[in-house]
Amino acid sequence: SLRLKSCNTPTKLSSSRSSLSAPVIACCHQLRMKVITALVSVGLAIKVQDLQEPTKRFGATRMCKPACAPQCPQSSRTGVPCLPSADMWPYKTNQSWSIELGERILMAAKPSTSVTEKRCKGFKLFGDSAWCMAAFEGESSSQGLSFGIEQRDLWSETMSNAFHMPTMLFDCFQDPKSSPALAMIAPNAAGSCEGNPHHCYETHYDAFRTCLGPREETVQGRKYNSLSNLLSKRVALSTHVKIDVEGSEWSVLEDLLDNKADMQKIRTLDMEVHFGFGAASEAAHRKGSKEEQVTREVQIFEKLAQKFAVSGSNIETNADGWQPAVSCPQQQCEEPVVHTHGGLPVNQFAISFVNPTLVQ
């Protein structure tokens, strides 16, 4: 193993692939570069686009250059995220397990080597999605399933208007009075939506006051249904899925990963992941310590990234807005449940996957 001295904290990083998730606690940028160089030398690191002189901004320093620079979109992005480290530790505490799990999340979220611009025949970056366009070719009977709607669901509108596929929307928390789509009063297959800035669907959609959960049940007065039930009549490579359900995703994903047939039905999977949120539908898994609960979620996320190919995320986009010197100038902030060794929170972000068979 490789031992390095940081500014004030001893650090150990194993060169074993199985131990790559050991804590990497870096307190100075020189150490960060040593760690990157060491990882590259053993062939385990994700590629850093461009090492450069430090770029400082609001108490955080980047030692790399975003691949999209100088004109980066404010959406999810493809490519390896270039992330900053806090100049001074911004939190009241510094838990080693929060760093370890955060680094494991970051490694699992790196773009898959199979997802190239050539194999994807280009990318479409839109909001929280980074779509591999090969997933939208040669399909005529695809459907979009959108879980978590809020007032407006631009994901399902894009599926309807840009890709011309029917969609089904699900949410049991959002009040339909403030969501035309959920109330089923948005224009629905009534003609072109071009130039219409409001809720509008060119292709037919349906909406349901139902949430996504591990099983069909009622929790705290709200109806839930399982992904498996909703995929039951779908065929292979026929469904695009979006999940943004505020922490209810983990048991759903756990069940999906145990069902090879259901996984094969999904062409793309767009998600916002939430680590340590403790959703009501996850009550059965709120036993044990917070570390044990979040470790389970990280393990599910790692397995998901093995079964599907990562096409992009908004981790780097989120990092653009991180200002530790502004939000935590006196180390007064509570420590995020998971974060990088540089302090960047990774407890919530959007990530896009594509079925690996489409980019072989």
Foldseek 3Di string as FASTA:
>chain_A
DDWDDAPDDTADADLDPVRRLQFGFHQDVVVVVVVQVVCVVSPNDFDADAADPWDDDQQWIWRGDPPPPPDDDLFWDFAQFGFTFGNHQQAPDDDRLQASLQVLLSVLQHFFPLQDCVLLVHWDTDHFDIHSNLLLPPDDQAEEEEADAAQHRVVQQCCQQVSNHEYEYEAQPHDCVRHCVQVVNAAALPDHCPPPPDRHGVHGYYYDNEHEALDFDAFPNGTYHAPCVVCVPAAFSRYEYEDEHQARCQSNLVVCLVDPRSLRRYFKYKYKAAAQRPDRRCVVLPDDDSSVSRVSSSVSSSSVSVQWGWRTWCLNSVSVPDNSCVPRVPNHHHQASHHHSSRHDPRIIMTMTGGVVSSD
